[in-house]
Amino acid sequence: MKRNVLVFALFAVLVVMASCKDEGYRDFDRQARQVDVTKLSKDMQKVRDYVPPFAVMAHRGSTYWAPEETEIAYRWARNMGADYLEADLQCTKDGVILANHDDNLRRTSNIELLYGETIPASRLAFYKAHGLSEDEAKKQIEEDRKTFEPYYTKSYFYDELAKLDAGAWFVETKAQLVEITGATFSLQNISTLEDLIKIAQGKKLKRNASHEREYTISGTWDPTKPMDCLTYHFEYEDDDKDAGHRPGIYIEFKESWLNPSDFEERVYNELKRLDWNIIEKPSAAGEPFYKGGKVNVGNTNGRVILQTFSLESLRRAADKFQGKIPMCFLLWKGTGATDIKKVTPEGYASFVNLGVAHKAHIMGPSIAGAPNNYDDLDEPWMALIIKRAGMLNHPYSFDSYDQMAKYFGKYNFGYKTEDDDVLHGVCADGVFTNRTEISLQYMIDNGFRAKEAAQTVPDPIEVLKDLGN
């Protein structure tokens, strides 16, 4: 008898707890409809609409199928039919803008083996080749040692980084994939922003017989303007494996301390130089996102989307770009100065309002699920707040069918919400994905992909095999 009473009491407690949890969700649902949210202006909405609905962003090209943010990763993503090639931006000691995620290069290159913790021995010859005498070059190297941080991108010239292998680590971790595809994962370079754009345009790096990329450097070294005295002339050629897609690029400003204080202006000018700055050179009116089953985003005014986690970088980008290029404010739950800490409707709305105030058109919340298991910042009530602001919602990062189904309405989080009349279970307007093939297939199978886009997805392994031959 006592045992039955205890079981009944435990059951009653669980029912009450579940009821309280559901009530908490419902309360947040109600608050999400009532909390103050700033709406995008009509001008900002116009720029927001430069972005294709339910866009697929190939996160770092791929973190699964190829060494991230390398030429082969981006060529693969382009040929798979991703709408955007996603990249992180950093700057070298001599001003070359990189497409590279880690500020410390040990994880994704052989920098530790090649250079160790010292300034590369080749730097003396580099200085002499660009106008310094031997004594001047030695003196300059002594100055360099004062600020040199081993393995960090900002401490090296691009000419030094170009000698690194950014793919060998992937060969070691994905030996079976290498064997199946025969793809050239090793001898990949640290990518540049220019590389990213050229690949989006159907080009590939021009290489010599030793598979080294070809480029020249002009100018004379000037220690008073180290980022502006030398010019790199990178060489490219038509990609014989190009599948005809023309994706856009989705580029991230990292934490402001990683790069020079004028970094946003440098990116603005580089986009202008490469004819990808729509403020300076807009696309023709009416250019479609898709043509004949091929991605055409790279030829539209949505060709570039900016993104950042950093409030300081968001402010600087707002000052420079003035909200005239689509911008995404990324969300992360943590203890940092600009991390979201209080995940309530009021706290969440405060970040959305910050985004609107600093000329962002898109919010980028983290999602739950393996393998990253991030905090879920894209629950239905959160997505509702973003929608109330008139912003797009581009969550990160998708790795599985289950994640796609959860945030695109098939699973609907396992419970009904008061937001279903607005969201219809869909908590995203696009996805950052490490598995382009999964995300594209889900979009096609469930009616999210535009009818003008391709309605079949290439085999990812076959695409790699093709690139490897």
Protein backbone atom coordinates (compact mmCIF):
# COMPACT_ATOMS: atom_id res chain seq x y z
CA MET A 1 0.00 0.00 0.00
CA LYS A 2 2.78 2.42 0.97
CA ARG A 3 4.61 1.59 -2.27
CA ASN A 4 1.50 2.43 -4.33
CA VAL A 5 1.11 5.74 -2.50
CA LEU A 6 4.74 6.62 -3.21
CA VAL A 7 4.38 5.75 -6.89
CA PHE A 8 1.21 7.85 -7.16
CA ALA A 9 2.91 10.78 -5.39
CA LEU A 10 5.91 10.60 -7.73
CA PHE A 11 3.58 10.50 -10.76
CA ALA A 12 1.70 13.53 -9.46
CA VAL A 13 4.96 15.47 -9.00
CA LEU A 14 6.06 14.65 -12.55
CA VAL A 15 2.70 15.76 -13.93
CA VAL A 16 2.94 19.05 -12.03
CA MET A 17 6.53 19.58 -13.25
CA ALA A 18 5.52 18.92 -16.85
CA SER A 19 2.55 21.23 -16.47
CA CYS A 20 4.79 23.97 -15.05
CA LYS A 21 7.24 23.50 -17.92
CA ASP A 22 4.43 23.78 -20.47
CA GLU A 23 3.06 26.80 -18.63
CA GLY A 24 6.54 28.36 -18.74
CA TYR A 25 6.68 27.87 -22.50
CA ARG A 26 3.19 29.32 -22.89
CA ASP A 27 4.13 32.28 -20.70
CA PHE A 28 7.21 32.97 -22.86
CA ASP A 29 5.01 32.62 -25.94
CA ARG A 30 2.69 35.31 -24.60
CA GLN A 31 5.55 37.56 -23.53
CA ALA A 32 7.19 37.20 -26.95
CA ARG A 33 4.07 38.75 -28.49
CA GLN A 34 4.03 41.63 -26.00
CA VAL A 35 7.68 42.59 -25.46
CA ASP A 36 8.84 45.80 -27.16
CA VAL A 37 10.50 45.02 -30.50
CA THR A 38 11.92 47.57 -32.94
CA LYS A 39 10.90 46.97 -36.56
CA LEU A 40 13.09 47.33 -39.61
CA SER A 41 12.46 50.50 -41.59
CA LYS A 42 11.11 50.24 -45.14
CA ASP A 43 14.58 51.01 -46.52
CA MET A 44 16.08 48.23 -44.40
CA GLN A 45 13.34 45.83 -45.49
CA LYS A 46 14.25 46.55 -49.11
CA VAL A 47 17.87 45.49 -48.46
CA ARG A 48 16.67 42.47 -46.45
CA ASP A 49 14.82 41.30 -49.54
CA TYR A 50 18.08 41.14 -51.50
CA VAL A 51 18.50 37.75 -49.76
CA PRO A 52 16.81 34.68 -51.31
CA PRO A 53 14.17 32.92 -49.18
CA PHE A 54 15.37 29.80 -47.37
CA ALA A 55 18.96 30.31 -48.47
CA VAL A 56 21.50 27.53 -47.91
CA MET A 57 24.84 28.81 -46.61
CA ALA A 58 27.77 26.39 -46.94
CA HIS A 59 29.45 26.92 -43.56
CA ARG A 60 33.21 27.30 -44.18
CA GLY A 61 32.55 25.57 -47.50
CA SER A 62 32.25 22.34 -45.57
CA THR A 63 33.56 21.12 -42.24
CA TYR A 64 32.52 17.55 -43.07
CA TRP A 65 33.47 16.81 -46.67
CA ALA A 66 36.69 18.82 -47.07
CA PRO A 67 39.24 20.82 -45.06
CA GLU A 68 37.30 23.91 -44.02
CA GLU A 69 37.73 27.24 -45.81
CA THR A 70 40.07 25.83 -48.45
CA GLU A 71 39.80 25.92 -52.22
CA ILE A 72 38.44 22.39 -52.48
CA ALA A 73 35.82 23.04 -49.78
CA TYR A 74 34.52 26.11 -51.58
CA ARG A 75 34.63 24.53 -55.05
CA TRP A 76 32.70 21.57 -53.62
CA ALA A 77 30.06 23.84 -52.02
CA ARG A 78 29.69 25.84 -55.23
CA ASN A 79 29.23 22.72 -57.35
CA MET A 80 26.74 21.25 -54.87
CA GLY A 81 24.49 24.27 -55.43
CA ALA A 82 24.79 26.19 -52.15
CA ASP A 83 23.40 29.72 -52.29
CA TYR A 84 26.29 31.21 -50.30
CA LEU A 85 29.90 30.35 -49.51
CA GLU A 86 30.41 31.25 -45.85
CA ALA A 87 33.76 32.47 -44.51
CA ASP A 88 35.46 34.19 -41.58
CA LEU A 89 37.64 37.22 -42.28
CA GLN A 90 41.06 37.99 -40.81
CA CYS A 91 44.03 40.08 -41.88
CA THR A 92 47.71 39.25 -42.34
CA LYS A 93 50.62 41.40 -41.21
CA ASP A 94 50.90 42.80 -44.75
CA GLY A 95 47.19 43.51 -45.20
CA VAL A 96 45.90 40.51 -47.15
CA ILE A 97 42.31 39.73 -46.14
CA LEU A 98 41.96 36.03 -45.36
CA ALA A 99 38.99 33.68 -45.48
CA ASN A 100 39.98 31.65 -42.43
CA HIS A 101 38.28 30.75 -39.15
CA ASP A 102 40.90 30.09 -36.46
CA ASP A 103 43.13 32.99 -35.44
CA ASN A 104 45.62 30.33 -34.27
CA LEU A 105 46.58 28.18 -37.26
CA ARG A 106 47.83 25.08 -35.45
CA ARG A 107 44.56 23.14 -35.76
CA THR A 108 44.11 23.54 -39.51
CA SER A 109 47.64 23.77 -40.89
CA ASN A 110 51.21 22.52 -40.46
CA ILE A 111 52.43 25.89 -39.14
CA GLU A 112 53.86 24.38 -35.95
CA LEU A 113 55.92 21.88 -37.93
CA LEU A 114 57.05 24.37 -40.57
CA TYR A 115 57.80 27.48 -38.51
CA GLY A 116 57.68 26.53 -34.83
CA GLU A 117 57.42 29.43 -32.40
CA THR A 118 59.90 31.69 -34.18
CA ILE A 119 59.64 34.21 -36.99
CA PRO A 120 60.04 32.33 -40.30
CA ALA A 121 63.67 32.23 -41.42
CA SER A 122 62.55 33.33 -44.88
CA ARG A 123 61.57 36.77 -43.60
CA LEU A 124 65.08 38.19 -44.02
CA ALA A 125 65.04 37.35 -47.72
CA PHE A 126 61.47 38.66 -48.01
CA TYR A 127 62.46 42.08 -46.68
CA LYS A 128 65.54 42.21 -48.90
CA ALA A 129 63.43 41.31 -51.95
CA HIS A 130 61.18 44.26 -51.19
CA GLY A 131 63.65 47.09 -50.84
CA LEU A 132 65.53 46.72 -47.54
CA SER A 133 69.27 46.31 -47.14
CA GLU A 134 70.56 43.39 -45.07
CA ASP A 135 71.08 45.62 -42.01
CA GLU A 136 67.66 47.23 -42.43
CA ALA A 137 66.04 43.82 -42.79
CA LYS A 138 67.71 42.49 -39.63
CA LYS A 139 66.68 45.59 -37.70
CA GLN A 140 63.11 45.20 -38.93
CA ILE A 141 63.01 41.57 -37.80
CA GLU A 142 64.12 42.67 -34.32
CA GLU A 143 61.18 45.08 -34.30
CA ASP A 144 58.86 42.31 -35.46
CA ARG A 145 59.87 40.12 -32.52
CA LYS A 146 58.39 42.65 -30.08
CA THR A 147 54.85 41.94 -31.25
CA PHE A 148 55.24 38.46 -32.76
CA GLU A 149 52.66 35.90 -31.58
CA PRO A 150 53.47 32.39 -32.83
CA TYR A 151 50.79 30.72 -34.97
CA TYR A 152 48.49 33.77 -35.08
CA THR A 153 47.56 34.98 -38.56
CA LYS A 154 48.20 38.66 -37.81
CA SER A 155 51.90 37.93 -37.13
CA TYR A 156 52.68 36.56 -40.61
CA PHE A 157 52.94 37.84 -44.16
CA TYR A 158 50.67 36.11 -46.64
CA ASP A 159 53.79 34.99 -48.50
CA GLU A 160 54.68 32.99 -45.37
CA LEU A 161 51.18 31.59 -44.95
CA ALA A 162 51.09 30.56 -48.62
CA LYS A 163 53.73 27.94 -47.84
CA LEU A 164 51.50 26.17 -45.30
CA ASP A 165 49.51 23.03 -46.00
CA ALA A 166 45.93 23.70 -44.86
CA GLY A 167 44.65 20.25 -45.82
CA ALA A 168 47.05 17.63 -44.47
CA TRP A 169 45.29 17.57 -41.07
CA PHE A 170 42.05 16.59 -42.82
CA VAL A 171 43.76 13.74 -44.66
CA GLU A 172 44.83 12.32 -41.29
CA THR A 173 41.32 12.53 -39.79
CA LYS A 174 39.32 11.43 -42.87
CA ALA A 175 41.51 8.72 -44.39
CA GLN A 176 38.52 6.68 -45.61
CA LEU A 177 37.03 9.67 -47.45
CA VAL A 178 40.38 10.33 -49.11
CA GLU A 179 40.54 6.71 -50.26
CA ILE A 180 36.98 6.73 -51.63
CA THR A 181 37.16 10.04 -53.49
CA GLY A 182 40.80 10.38 -54.50
CA ALA A 183 40.38 14.12 -53.89
CA THR A 184 43.42 16.35 -53.34
CA PHE A 185 42.85 17.43 -49.75
CA SER A 186 46.51 18.05 -48.98
CA LEU A 187 48.48 20.98 -50.40
CA GLN A 188 45.52 23.30 -49.82
CA ASN A 189 46.23 26.96 -49.11
CA ILE A 190 45.07 29.41 -46.48
CA SER A 191 42.33 31.12 -48.48
CA THR A 192 41.86 34.83 -49.15
CA LEU A 193 38.70 36.88 -49.63
CA GLU A 194 39.70 37.25 -53.27
CA ASP A 195 39.93 33.44 -53.59
CA LEU A 196 36.41 33.13 -52.19
CA ILE A 197 34.98 35.56 -54.73
CA LYS A 198 36.86 34.05 -57.67
CA ILE A 199 35.64 30.55 -56.78
CA ALA A 200 32.08 31.90 -56.56
CA GLN A 201 32.62 33.26 -60.08
CA GLY A 202 33.61 29.84 -61.44
CA LYS A 203 37.39 30.19 -61.18
CA LYS A 204 40.06 28.19 -59.40
CA LEU A 205 43.56 29.00 -58.21
CA LYS A 206 46.24 28.84 -60.87
CA ARG A 207 48.96 26.44 -59.76
CA ASN A 208 52.37 25.37 -61.03
CA ALA A 209 53.56 21.82 -61.64
CA SER A 210 54.32 21.44 -57.92
CA HIS A 211 50.73 22.41 -57.06
CA GLU A 212 51.88 25.72 -55.55
CA ARG A 213 49.61 28.69 -56.14
CA GLU A 214 50.95 31.32 -58.52
CA TYR A 215 51.19 34.98 -57.53
CA THR A 216 53.56 37.93 -57.58
CA ILE A 217 54.17 40.76 -55.13
CA SER A 218 54.91 44.37 -56.03
CA GLY A 219 55.91 47.35 -53.89
CA THR A 220 58.61 48.36 -51.43
CA TRP A 221 58.46 47.59 -47.72
CA ASP A 222 57.52 50.61 -45.61
CA PRO A 223 57.38 50.00 -41.84
CA THR A 224 55.17 53.08 -41.38
CA LYS A 225 52.35 51.49 -43.41
CA PRO A 226 52.93 47.72 -43.28
CA MET A 227 49.43 46.80 -44.47
CA ASP A 228 49.44 49.08 -47.49
CA CYS A 229 52.93 49.04 -49.00
CA LEU A 230 52.84 45.68 -50.81
CA THR A 231 50.34 44.40 -53.38
CA TYR A 232 49.68 40.73 -54.10
CA HIS A 233 48.69 39.75 -57.62
CA PHE A 234 46.98 36.35 -57.36
CA GLU A 235 46.43 34.32 -60.50
CA TYR A 236 43.28 32.34 -61.33
CA GLU A 237 41.94 30.37 -64.25
CA ASP A 238 38.58 29.06 -65.42
CA ASP A 239 37.60 26.01 -63.39
CA ASP A 240 37.24 23.10 -65.78
CA LYS A 241 35.05 21.39 -63.16
CA ASP A 242 32.69 24.36 -62.73
CA ALA A 243 29.03 23.26 -62.59
CA GLY A 244 27.65 26.68 -63.53
CA HIS A 245 26.34 27.85 -60.15
CA ARG A 246 27.12 31.42 -59.09
CA PRO A 247 26.70 31.64 -55.31
CA GLY A 248 27.07 34.70 -53.14
CA ILE A 249 29.42 35.04 -50.18
CA TYR A 250 28.50 35.33 -46.49
CA ILE A 251 31.48 36.85 -44.68
CA GLU A 252 32.08 37.26 -40.96
CA PHE A 253 33.85 40.06 -39.13
CA LYS A 254 35.55 38.38 -36.18
CA GLU A 255 36.10 39.94 -32.75
CA SER A 256 37.31 43.51 -33.29
CA TRP A 257 40.62 43.01 -31.44
CA LEU A 258 41.75 40.36 -33.95
CA ASN A 259 41.99 42.80 -36.85
CA PRO A 260 43.05 46.41 -37.50
CA SER A 261 40.64 49.12 -36.34
CA ASP A 262 39.87 50.04 -39.95
CA PHE A 263 39.17 46.44 -40.98
CA GLU A 264 35.57 47.05 -42.04
CA GLU A 265 36.78 49.83 -44.34
CA ARG A 266 39.43 47.50 -45.77
CA VAL A 267 36.79 44.89 -46.53
CA TYR A 268 34.59 47.57 -48.11
CA ASN A 269 37.46 48.61 -50.37
CA GLU A 270 38.40 45.04 -51.27
CA LEU A 271 34.82 44.27 -52.27
CA LYS A 272 34.87 47.45 -54.35
CA ARG A 273 38.15 46.48 -56.04
CA LEU A 274 36.72 43.09 -56.96
CA ASP A 275 33.41 44.58 -58.22
CA TRP A 276 31.43 42.87 -55.44
CA ASN A 277 30.43 45.99 -53.50
CA ILE A 278 26.83 46.67 -54.52
CA ILE A 279 26.93 50.11 -52.90
CA GLU A 280 29.48 51.11 -55.52
CA LYS A 281 28.31 48.81 -58.32
CA PRO A 282 24.76 47.46 -57.93
CA SER A 283 23.49 44.55 -59.97
CA ALA A 284 20.99 44.96 -62.78
CA ALA A 285 17.40 45.34 -61.60
CA GLY A 286 15.35 42.17 -61.73
CA GLU A 287 18.27 39.74 -61.76
CA PRO A 288 16.80 36.44 -60.45
CA PHE A 289 18.23 34.29 -57.65
CA TYR A 290 18.13 31.23 -59.92
CA LYS A 291 18.46 30.79 -63.69
CA GLY A 292 17.86 27.55 -65.57
CA GLY A 293 18.25 25.46 -62.44
CA LYS A 294 21.52 27.18 -61.48
CA VAL A 295 22.23 29.39 -58.48
CA ASN A 296 22.55 33.03 -59.61
CA VAL A 297 22.73 34.79 -56.23
CA GLY A 298 26.28 35.98 -56.97
CA ASN A 299 24.93 38.13 -59.81
CA THR A 300 22.25 39.85 -57.68
CA ASN A 301 22.29 42.59 -55.05
CA GLY A 302 22.24 39.79 -52.48
CA ARG A 303 25.70 38.64 -53.54
CA VAL A 304 27.31 39.66 -50.23
CA ILE A 305 25.97 39.23 -46.70
CA LEU A 306 27.98 40.49 -43.74
CA GLN A 307 27.87 38.86 -40.30
CA THR A 308 29.38 39.20 -36.84
CA PHE A 309 29.03 38.13 -33.20
CA SER A 310 30.84 41.28 -32.07
CA LEU A 311 28.81 44.35 -31.15
CA GLU A 312 31.84 46.55 -31.83
CA SER A 313 32.25 45.05 -35.31
CA LEU A 314 28.50 45.47 -35.85
CA ARG A 315 28.78 49.16 -34.97
CA ARG A 316 31.76 49.67 -37.26
CA ALA A 317 30.09 47.81 -40.13
CA ALA A 318 26.96 49.93 -39.65
CA ASP A 319 29.06 53.09 -39.86
CA LYS A 320 30.81 51.97 -43.04
CA PHE A 321 28.13 50.04 -44.94
CA GLN A 322 25.16 52.08 -43.65
CA GLY A 323 22.79 49.13 -43.82
CA LYS A 324 23.01 49.05 -47.62
CA ILE A 325 24.38 45.48 -47.72
CA PRO A 326 22.53 42.70 -45.85
CA MET A 327 23.97 42.19 -42.35
CA CYS A 328 23.49 39.37 -39.83
CA PHE A 329 23.92 39.77 -36.06
CA LEU A 330 24.93 36.36 -34.67
CA LEU A 331 23.80 35.26 -31.21
CA TRP A 332 25.73 33.22 -28.66
CA LYS A 333 24.82 32.39 -25.08
CA GLY A 334 27.79 32.96 -22.80
CA THR A 335 29.54 35.27 -20.39
CA GLY A 336 31.30 37.54 -22.89
CA ALA A 337 30.62 41.26 -23.09
CA THR A 338 28.30 40.92 -26.08
CA ASP A 339 26.95 37.40 -25.40
CA ILE A 340 23.31 36.90 -24.58
CA LYS A 341 23.06 35.94 -20.91
CA LYS A 342 19.40 36.25 -19.96
CA VAL A 343 17.34 34.04 -22.27
CA THR A 344 13.91 35.53 -21.61
CA PRO A 345 11.67 37.36 -24.07
CA GLU A 346 12.84 40.69 -22.68
CA GLY A 347 16.52 39.74 -22.81
CA TYR A 348 16.22 38.18 -26.26
CA ALA A 349 14.33 41.17 -27.65
CA SER A 350 17.06 43.49 -26.36
CA PHE A 351 19.56 41.77 -28.68
CA VAL A 352 17.18 41.86 -31.62
CA ASN A 353 16.68 45.57 -30.97
CA LEU A 354 20.46 46.05 -30.85
CA GLY A 355 20.65 44.40 -34.25
CA VAL A 356 18.01 46.69 -35.73
CA ALA A 357 19.61 49.77 -34.14
CA HIS A 358 22.95 48.89 -35.75
CA LYS A 359 21.54 48.23 -39.21
CA ALA A 360 21.36 44.43 -39.18
CA HIS A 361 18.71 42.79 -41.34
CA ILE A 362 19.15 39.22 -40.10
CA MET A 363 19.60 37.48 -36.74
CA GLY A 364 21.74 34.34 -36.51
CA PRO A 365 20.91 32.26 -33.42
CA SER A 366 22.58 28.99 -32.43
CA ILE A 367 20.61 25.74 -32.57
CA ALA A 368 20.66 22.60 -30.44
CA GLY A 369 21.73 19.13 -31.50
CA ALA A 370 24.79 17.03 -32.23
CA PRO A 371 27.64 17.34 -32.94
CA ASN A 372 28.05 20.86 -31.53
CA ASN A 373 25.26 20.77 -28.92
CA TYR A 374 25.02 24.55 -28.72
CA ASP A 375 22.47 26.32 -26.55
CA ASP A 376 19.14 26.57 -28.35
CA LEU A 377 18.56 30.23 -29.18
CA ASP A 378 15.97 29.49 -31.87
CA GLU A 379 12.96 28.14 -30.00
CA PRO A 380 9.58 29.16 -31.46
CA TRP A 381 9.05 32.13 -29.15
CA MET A 382 12.53 33.39 -30.03
CA ALA A 383 11.87 33.01 -33.76
CA LEU A 384 8.63 34.94 -33.24
CA ILE A 385 10.52 37.92 -31.78
CA ILE A 386 12.84 37.96 -34.80
CA LYS A 387 9.86 37.81 -37.15
CA ARG A 388 8.10 40.63 -35.27
CA ALA A 389 11.14 42.82 -36.00
CA GLY A 390 10.77 42.08 -39.71
CA MET A 391 14.22 40.47 -39.74
CA LEU A 392 15.31 37.24 -41.38
CA ASN A 393 16.35 34.31 -39.19
CA HIS A 394 19.52 32.44 -40.23
CA PRO A 395 20.37 29.91 -37.49
CA TYR A 396 23.63 27.95 -37.22
CA SER A 397 24.89 25.25 -37.75
CA PHE A 398 22.90 22.38 -39.27
CA ASP A 399 24.49 18.93 -39.46
CA SER A 400 21.57 16.52 -39.71
CA TYR A 401 18.13 15.77 -41.15
CA ASP A 402 16.69 15.79 -37.61
CA GLN A 403 17.84 19.37 -37.05
CA MET A 404 16.31 20.45 -40.36
CA ALA A 405 13.03 18.74 -39.46
CA LYS A 406 12.96 20.25 -35.97
CA TYR A 407 13.42 23.86 -37.05
CA PHE A 408 11.39 23.61 -40.27
CA GLY A 409 8.16 22.39 -38.75
CA LYS A 410 8.10 18.63 -39.21
CA TYR A 411 8.79 17.90 -35.54
CA ASN A 412 7.64 21.30 -34.23
CA PHE A 413 9.64 20.80 -31.02
CA GLY A 414 7.18 18.14 -29.85
CA TYR A 415 4.58 20.59 -28.56
CA LYS A 416 2.13 23.11 -29.90
CA THR A 417 2.76 26.80 -29.28
CA GLU A 418 0.75 29.97 -29.43
CA ASP A 419 3.12 31.06 -32.21
CA ASP A 420 2.01 28.44 -34.73
CA ASP A 421 -0.43 30.87 -36.36
CA VAL A 422 2.55 33.08 -37.29
CA LEU A 423 5.46 30.65 -37.69
CA HIS A 424 3.57 27.53 -38.82
CA GLY A 425 6.31 25.59 -37.06
CA VAL A 426 9.07 27.09 -39.22
CA CYS A 427 11.80 28.73 -37.14
CA ALA A 428 14.26 29.72 -39.88
CA ASP A 429 14.47 31.65 -43.15
CA GLY A 430 17.78 30.07 -44.18
CA VAL A 431 20.49 27.83 -42.73
CA PHE A 432 24.19 27.78 -42.05
CA THR A 433 25.00 24.15 -42.80
CA ASN A 434 27.99 21.83 -42.65
CA ARG A 435 26.03 19.32 -44.74
CA THR A 436 24.91 21.21 -47.83
CA GLU A 437 23.55 18.02 -49.39
CA ILE A 438 21.25 17.29 -46.43
CA SER A 439 19.94 20.85 -46.17
CA LEU A 440 19.29 21.18 -49.90
CA GLN A 441 17.53 17.82 -50.06
CA TYR A 442 15.29 18.71 -47.12
CA MET A 443 14.40 22.06 -48.70
CA ILE A 444 13.49 20.35 -51.99
CA ASP A 445 11.54 17.47 -50.42
CA ASN A 446 9.47 19.79 -48.23
CA GLY A 447 8.69 22.55 -50.70
CA PHE A 448 11.05 25.24 -49.40
CA ARG A 449 13.35 25.36 -52.44
CA ALA A 450 12.37 27.79 -55.20
CA LYS A 451 10.95 26.02 -58.26
CA GLU A 452 13.49 27.87 -60.44
CA ALA A 453 16.36 26.23 -58.53
CA ALA A 454 17.68 22.73 -59.21
CA GLN A 455 15.30 20.09 -57.83
CA THR A 456 17.94 17.39 -57.46
CA VAL A 457 21.07 17.35 -55.29
CA PRO A 458 24.40 16.04 -56.61
CA ASP A 459 26.03 13.13 -54.84
CA PRO A 460 28.59 14.77 -52.51
CA ILE A 461 31.12 11.98 -52.98
CA GLU A 462 30.83 12.11 -56.76
CA VAL A 463 31.41 15.87 -56.68
CA LEU A 464 34.57 15.30 -54.64
CA LYS A 465 35.71 12.58 -57.02
CA ASP A 466 35.20 14.94 -59.94
CA LEU A 467 37.23 17.68 -58.25
CA GLY A 468 39.97 15.19 -57.39
CA ASN A 469 40.55 14.09 -60.97
